[in-house]
């Protein structure tokens, strides 16, 4: 898990399970996306929205993809 996401979860007193419940996805899937084992733009967006940050703040490579497109 990225340090940034871990810090945000701690600051908001959220577990991955609770975050997953709030965004309507399984804990396992959310964990895979957070840890970088799976890349899902939709899940990343939902996580960022729930944590009230931009996707690029959590996954800087998303900004690089946008510029290349």
C-alpha atoms as a PDB file:
ATOM      1  CA  UNK A   1       0.000   0.000   0.000  1.00  0.00           C
ATOM      2  CA  UNK A   2       1.338   3.421  -0.798  1.00  0.00           C
ATOM      3  CA  UNK A   3       2.329   5.445   2.238  1.00  0.00           C
ATOM      4  CA  UNK A   4       0.051   8.240   1.080  1.00  0.00           C
ATOM      5  CA  UNK A   5      -3.042   6.024   1.039  1.00  0.00           C
ATOM      6  CA  UNK A   6      -2.111   4.393   4.343  1.00  0.00           C
ATOM      7  CA  UNK A   7      -1.774   7.832   5.955  1.00  0.00           C
ATOM      8  CA  UNK A   8      -5.110   9.000   4.536  1.00  0.00           C
ATOM      9  CA  UNK A   9      -6.850   5.872   5.825  1.00  0.00           C
ATOM     10  CA  UNK A  10      -5.341   6.341   9.293  1.00  0.00           C
ATOM     11  CA  UNK A  11      -6.211  10.050   9.341  1.00  0.00           C
ATOM     12  CA  UNK A  12      -9.807   9.226   8.436  1.00  0.00           C
ATOM     13  CA  UNK A  13      -9.931   6.220  10.771  1.00  0.00           C
ATOM     14  CA  UNK A  14     -10.841   3.938   7.866  1.00  0.00           C
ATOM     15  CA  UNK A  15      -9.848   0.361   7.159  1.00  0.00           C
ATOM     16  CA  UNK A  16      -9.522  -1.015   3.663  1.00  0.00           C
ATOM     17  CA  UNK A  17     -12.648  -3.060   4.373  1.00  0.00           C
ATOM     18  CA  UNK A  18     -14.634   0.065   5.280  1.00  0.00           C
ATOM     19  CA  UNK A  19     -13.282   1.963   2.272  1.00  0.00           C
ATOM     20  CA  UNK A  20     -14.283  -0.950   0.040  1.00  0.00           C
ATOM     21  CA  UNK A  21     -17.772  -1.041   1.540  1.00  0.00           C
ATOM     22  CA  UNK A  22     -18.209   2.689   0.968  1.00  0.00           C
ATOM     23  CA  UNK A  23     -17.237   2.469  -2.699  1.00  0.00           C
ATOM     24  CA  UNK A  24     -19.193  -0.733  -3.292  1.00  0.00           C
ATOM     25  CA  UNK A  25     -16.310  -3.079  -4.048  1.00  0.00           C
ATOM     26  CA  UNK A  26     -14.703  -6.059  -2.359  1.00  0.00           C
ATOM     27  CA  UNK A  27     -11.929  -5.572   0.173  1.00  0.00           C
ATOM     28  CA  UNK A  28      -9.721  -7.927  -1.804  1.00  0.00           C
ATOM     29  CA  UNK A  29     -10.152  -5.972  -5.051  1.00  0.00           C
ATOM     30  CA  UNK A  30      -9.538  -2.615  -3.364  1.00  0.00           C
ATOM     31  CA  UNK A  31      -6.432  -3.998  -1.680  1.00  0.00           C
ATOM     32  CA  UNK A  32      -5.094  -5.304  -5.014  1.00  0.00           C
ATOM     33  CA  UNK A  33      -5.616  -1.904  -6.644  1.00  0.00           C
ATOM     34  CA  UNK A  34      -4.095   0.037  -3.735  1.00  0.00           C
ATOM     35  CA  UNK A  35      -1.040  -2.221  -3.687  1.00  0.00           C
ATOM     36  CA  UNK A  36      -0.546  -1.875  -7.426  1.00  0.00           C
ATOM     37  CA  UNK A  37      -1.192  -5.523  -8.277  1.00  0.00           C
ATOM     38  CA  UNK A  38      -4.176  -4.554 -10.419  1.00  0.00           C
ATOM     39  CA  UNK A  39      -4.737  -1.358 -12.359  1.00  0.00           C
ATOM     40  CA  UNK A  40      -8.298  -0.182 -12.510  1.00  0.00           C
ATOM     41  CA  UNK A  41      -8.871   3.473 -13.374  1.00  0.00           C
ATOM     42  CA  UNK A  42     -12.477   3.249 -12.171  1.00  0.00           C
ATOM     43  CA  UNK A  43     -11.508   1.808  -8.781  1.00  0.00           C
ATOM     44  CA  UNK A  44      -8.694   4.334  -8.417  1.00  0.00           C
ATOM     45  CA  UNK A  45     -11.156   7.143  -9.134  1.00  0.00           C
ATOM     46  CA  UNK A  46     -13.623   5.829  -6.566  1.00  0.00           C
ATOM     47  CA  UNK A  47     -10.903   5.493  -3.925  1.00  0.00           C
ATOM     48  CA  UNK A  48      -9.637   9.011  -4.609  1.00  0.00           C
ATOM     49  CA  UNK A  49     -13.164  10.429  -4.546  1.00  0.00           C
ATOM     50  CA  UNK A  50     -13.921   8.741  -1.216  1.00  0.00           C
ATOM     51  CA  UNK A  51     -10.645  10.020   0.267  1.00  0.00           C
ATOM     52  CA  UNK A  52     -11.349  13.455  -1.255  1.00  0.00           C
ATOM     53  CA  UNK A  53      -8.086  13.709  -3.181  1.00  0.00           C
ATOM     54  CA  UNK A  54      -7.144  13.645  -6.861  1.00  0.00           C
ATOM     55  CA  UNK A  55      -6.239  10.327  -8.464  1.00  0.00           C
ATOM     56  CA  UNK A  56      -2.864  11.774  -9.468  1.00  0.00           C
ATOM     57  CA  UNK A  57      -2.069  12.497  -5.810  1.00  0.00           C
ATOM     58  CA  UNK A  58      -2.312   8.778  -5.058  1.00  0.00           C
ATOM     59  CA  UNK A  59      -1.077   7.339  -8.350  1.00  0.00           C
ATOM     60  CA  UNK A  60       1.264   9.868 -10.045  1.00  0.00           C
ATOM     61  CA  UNK A  61       1.635   7.631 -13.109  1.00  0.00           C
ATOM     62  CA  UNK A  62      -1.983   8.472 -14.001  1.00  0.00           C
ATOM     63  CA  UNK A  63      -0.859  12.023 -14.794  1.00  0.00           C
ATOM     64  CA  UNK A  64       1.818  10.669 -17.140  1.00  0.00           C
ATOM     65  CA  UNK A  65      -0.784   8.572 -18.966  1.00  0.00           C
ATOM     66  CA  UNK A  66      -3.035  11.608 -19.463  1.00  0.00           C
ATOM     67  CA  UNK A  67      -0.189  13.619 -20.964  1.00  0.00           C
ATOM     68  CA  UNK A  68       0.755  10.804 -23.342  1.00  0.00           C
ATOM     69  CA  UNK A  69      -2.801  10.379 -24.624  1.00  0.00           C
END
